[in-house]
Amino acid sequence: MIVVGCSTADALFEYYIRATTEYFEAADNLSNLVGLHHQFVVAKGQTEQAGAKCRAALLAIEKHHVEHNCG
């Protein structure tokens, strides 16, 4: 756990770490499915969702830091 002195910022950062890991794993899985059309399409959608989740988590951290001047 990363401690920045603000429990909300800590929680947002932990969520971002999980989202980033999920995004990495989805992209890794996608790379293994090149040539398998149906599975690739499904995995591509999952990767795009994980990427959106990761970007949203980072934006939440940035917004919190601006609003609360913590971190």
N, C-alpha and C. Protein backbone atom coordinates (compact mmCIF):
# COMPACT_ATOMS: atom_id res chain seq x y z
N MET A 1 0.84 -1.18 0.00
CA MET A 1 0.00 0.00 0.00
C MET A 1 0.88 1.25 0.00
N ILE A 2 0.56 2.20 -0.85
CA ILE A 2 1.27 3.46 -0.93
C ILE A 2 0.59 4.45 0.00
N VAL A 3 1.34 5.07 0.88
CA VAL A 3 0.76 5.99 1.84
C VAL A 3 1.19 7.40 1.48
N VAL A 4 0.22 8.25 1.20
CA VAL A 4 0.50 9.65 0.89
C VAL A 4 -0.13 10.56 1.94
N GLY A 5 -0.66 9.99 3.00
CA GLY A 5 -1.25 10.79 4.07
C GLY A 5 -2.72 11.07 3.88
N CYS A 6 -3.30 10.52 2.87
CA CYS A 6 -4.72 10.73 2.59
C CYS A 6 -5.33 9.38 2.23
N SER A 7 -6.26 8.93 3.02
CA SER A 7 -6.83 7.59 2.79
C SER A 7 -7.55 7.50 1.45
N THR A 8 -8.18 8.58 1.01
CA THR A 8 -8.86 8.56 -0.29
C THR A 8 -7.84 8.44 -1.42
N ALA A 9 -6.77 9.23 -1.34
CA ALA A 9 -5.73 9.15 -2.37
C ALA A 9 -5.09 7.77 -2.38
N ASP A 10 -4.85 7.20 -1.20
CA ASP A 10 -4.29 5.85 -1.11
C ASP A 10 -5.21 4.84 -1.80
N ALA A 11 -6.50 4.93 -1.51
CA ALA A 11 -7.47 3.99 -2.09
C ALA A 11 -7.54 4.16 -3.60
N LEU A 12 -7.53 5.39 -4.07
CA LEU A 12 -7.55 5.64 -5.52
C LEU A 12 -6.29 5.08 -6.18
N PHE A 13 -5.16 5.22 -5.53
CA PHE A 13 -3.93 4.71 -6.10
C PHE A 13 -3.93 3.18 -6.13
N GLU A 14 -4.41 2.56 -5.08
CA GLU A 14 -4.51 1.10 -5.06
C GLU A 14 -5.43 0.61 -6.17
N TYR A 15 -6.53 1.30 -6.40
CA TYR A 15 -7.46 0.94 -7.48
C TYR A 15 -6.76 1.09 -8.83
N TYR A 16 -5.98 2.16 -8.98
CA TYR A 16 -5.25 2.39 -10.22
C TYR A 16 -4.24 1.26 -10.46
N ILE A 17 -3.56 0.82 -9.42
CA ILE A 17 -2.62 -0.29 -9.56
C ILE A 17 -3.34 -1.55 -10.05
N ARG A 18 -4.49 -1.86 -9.46
CA ARG A 18 -5.26 -3.04 -9.89
C ARG A 18 -5.74 -2.88 -11.34
N ALA A 19 -6.21 -1.68 -11.69
CA ALA A 19 -6.69 -1.44 -13.05
C ALA A 19 -5.55 -1.56 -14.06
N THR A 20 -4.38 -1.06 -13.71
CA THR A 20 -3.22 -1.14 -14.60
C THR A 20 -2.80 -2.59 -14.81
N THR A 21 -2.81 -3.36 -13.73
CA THR A 21 -2.48 -4.78 -13.83
C THR A 21 -3.49 -5.51 -14.71
N GLU A 22 -4.77 -5.22 -14.53
CA GLU A 22 -5.82 -5.83 -15.34
C GLU A 22 -5.62 -5.47 -16.82
N TYR A 23 -5.27 -4.22 -17.09
CA TYR A 23 -5.05 -3.77 -18.47
C TYR A 23 -3.85 -4.49 -19.08
N PHE A 24 -2.77 -4.60 -18.34
CA PHE A 24 -1.59 -5.30 -18.82
C PHE A 24 -1.92 -6.75 -19.15
N GLU A 25 -2.62 -7.44 -18.24
CA GLU A 25 -2.95 -8.85 -18.45
C GLU A 25 -3.88 -9.02 -19.65
N ALA A 26 -4.83 -8.10 -19.82
CA ALA A 26 -5.74 -8.18 -20.97
C ALA A 26 -4.97 -7.98 -22.27
N ALA A 27 -4.05 -7.03 -22.30
CA ALA A 27 -3.26 -6.78 -23.50
C ALA A 27 -2.35 -7.97 -23.80
N ASP A 28 -1.79 -8.56 -22.77
CA ASP A 28 -0.95 -9.75 -22.95
C ASP A 28 -1.76 -10.89 -23.54
N ASN A 29 -2.96 -11.11 -23.01
CA ASN A 29 -3.85 -12.15 -23.52
C ASN A 29 -4.20 -11.87 -24.98
N LEU A 30 -4.49 -10.61 -25.29
CA LEU A 30 -4.85 -10.23 -26.65
C LEU A 30 -3.71 -10.57 -27.62
N SER A 31 -2.49 -10.30 -27.21
CA SER A 31 -1.36 -10.56 -28.10
C SER A 31 -1.20 -12.05 -28.41
N ASN A 32 -1.67 -12.89 -27.53
CA ASN A 32 -1.58 -14.33 -27.74
C ASN A 32 -2.68 -14.87 -28.65
N LEU A 33 -3.65 -14.03 -29.00
CA LEU A 33 -4.80 -14.49 -29.78
C LEU A 33 -4.79 -14.00 -31.22
N VAL A 34 -3.69 -13.41 -31.65
CA VAL A 34 -3.59 -12.96 -33.03
C VAL A 34 -3.78 -14.17 -33.94
N GLY A 35 -4.67 -14.04 -34.90
CA GLY A 35 -4.96 -15.13 -35.83
C GLY A 35 -6.18 -15.95 -35.44
N LEU A 36 -6.67 -15.80 -34.24
CA LEU A 36 -7.88 -16.50 -33.79
C LEU A 36 -8.99 -15.46 -33.71
N HIS A 37 -9.66 -15.25 -34.82
CA HIS A 37 -10.54 -14.09 -35.00
C HIS A 37 -11.55 -13.89 -33.87
N HIS A 38 -12.39 -14.86 -33.61
CA HIS A 38 -13.46 -14.67 -32.61
C HIS A 38 -12.88 -14.37 -31.23
N GLN A 39 -11.94 -15.19 -30.79
CA GLN A 39 -11.33 -14.98 -29.48
C GLN A 39 -10.62 -13.62 -29.42
N PHE A 40 -9.99 -13.23 -30.52
CA PHE A 40 -9.30 -11.95 -30.58
C PHE A 40 -10.28 -10.80 -30.42
N VAL A 41 -11.41 -10.88 -31.11
CA VAL A 41 -12.43 -9.82 -31.03
C VAL A 41 -12.94 -9.68 -29.60
N VAL A 42 -13.22 -10.80 -28.95
CA VAL A 42 -13.69 -10.77 -27.57
C VAL A 42 -12.63 -10.17 -26.65
N ALA A 43 -11.41 -10.64 -26.80
CA ALA A 43 -10.31 -10.15 -25.96
C ALA A 43 -10.02 -8.67 -26.24
N LYS A 44 -10.18 -8.25 -27.48
CA LYS A 44 -9.96 -6.84 -27.82
C LYS A 44 -10.95 -5.96 -27.07
N GLY A 45 -12.21 -6.38 -27.01
CA GLY A 45 -13.21 -5.64 -26.25
C GLY A 45 -12.87 -5.59 -24.78
N GLN A 46 -12.41 -6.70 -24.23
CA GLN A 46 -12.02 -6.74 -22.83
C GLN A 46 -10.82 -5.83 -22.57
N THR A 47 -9.88 -5.81 -23.51
CA THR A 47 -8.71 -4.95 -23.37
C THR A 47 -9.10 -3.48 -23.42
N GLU A 48 -10.00 -3.14 -24.32
CA GLU A 48 -10.46 -1.76 -24.41
C GLU A 48 -11.18 -1.33 -23.13
N GLN A 49 -11.98 -2.22 -22.56
CA GLN A 49 -12.67 -1.92 -21.29
C GLN A 49 -11.66 -1.73 -20.16
N ALA A 50 -10.66 -2.60 -20.12
CA ALA A 50 -9.64 -2.49 -19.07
C ALA A 50 -8.84 -1.19 -19.24
N GLY A 51 -8.56 -0.81 -20.48
CA GLY A 51 -7.86 0.44 -20.73
C GLY A 51 -8.67 1.64 -20.28
N ALA A 52 -9.97 1.61 -20.55
CA ALA A 52 -10.84 2.71 -20.12
C ALA A 52 -10.89 2.79 -18.59
N LYS A 53 -10.93 1.64 -17.94
CA LYS A 53 -10.94 1.59 -16.48
C LYS A 53 -9.64 2.17 -15.92
N CYS A 54 -8.54 1.83 -16.55
CA CYS A 54 -7.23 2.33 -16.12
C CYS A 54 -7.15 3.84 -16.28
N ARG A 55 -7.59 4.35 -17.43
CA ARG A 55 -7.56 5.80 -17.65
C ARG A 55 -8.49 6.53 -16.68
N ALA A 56 -9.66 5.96 -16.41
CA ALA A 56 -10.60 6.58 -15.46
C ALA A 56 -10.00 6.61 -14.06
N ALA A 57 -9.30 5.56 -13.68
CA ALA A 57 -8.68 5.51 -12.36
C ALA A 57 -7.60 6.58 -12.23
N LEU A 58 -6.81 6.75 -13.28
CA LEU A 58 -5.76 7.77 -13.25
C LEU A 58 -6.37 9.17 -13.19
N LEU A 59 -7.43 9.40 -13.94
CA LEU A 59 -8.10 10.70 -13.89
C LEU A 59 -8.67 10.98 -12.51
N ALA A 60 -9.19 9.94 -11.85
CA ALA A 60 -9.73 10.11 -10.50
C ALA A 60 -8.63 10.53 -9.52
N ILE A 61 -7.46 9.93 -9.66
CA ILE A 61 -6.32 10.31 -8.81
C ILE A 61 -5.95 11.76 -9.07
N GLU A 62 -5.81 12.12 -10.34
CA GLU A 62 -5.42 13.48 -10.69
C GLU A 62 -6.45 14.50 -10.18
N LYS A 63 -7.72 14.19 -10.35
CA LYS A 63 -8.79 15.09 -9.88
C LYS A 63 -8.72 15.25 -8.37
N HIS A 64 -8.55 14.15 -7.67
CA HIS A 64 -8.48 14.20 -6.21
C HIS A 64 -7.29 15.05 -5.77
N HIS A 65 -6.15 14.87 -6.40
CA HIS A 65 -4.97 15.63 -6.02
C HIS A 65 -5.18 17.13 -6.25
N VAL A 66 -5.82 17.48 -7.34
CA VAL A 66 -6.10 18.90 -7.62
C VAL A 66 -7.08 19.47 -6.60
N GLU A 67 -8.12 18.71 -6.31
CA GLU A 67 -9.16 19.19 -5.39
C GLU A 67 -8.68 19.27 -3.94
N HIS A 68 -7.81 18.36 -3.54
CA HIS A 68 -7.44 18.25 -2.12
C HIS A 68 -5.97 18.58 -1.86
N ASN A 69 -5.21 18.82 -2.92
CA ASN A 69 -3.81 19.16 -2.79
C ASN A 69 -3.04 18.17 -1.90
N CYS A 70 -3.33 16.90 -2.13
CA CYS A 70 -2.63 15.86 -1.37
C CYS A 70 -1.86 14.98 -2.34
N GLY A 71 -0.99 14.19 -1.80
CA GLY A 71 -0.24 13.26 -2.62
C GLY A 71 1.01 13.85 -3.09
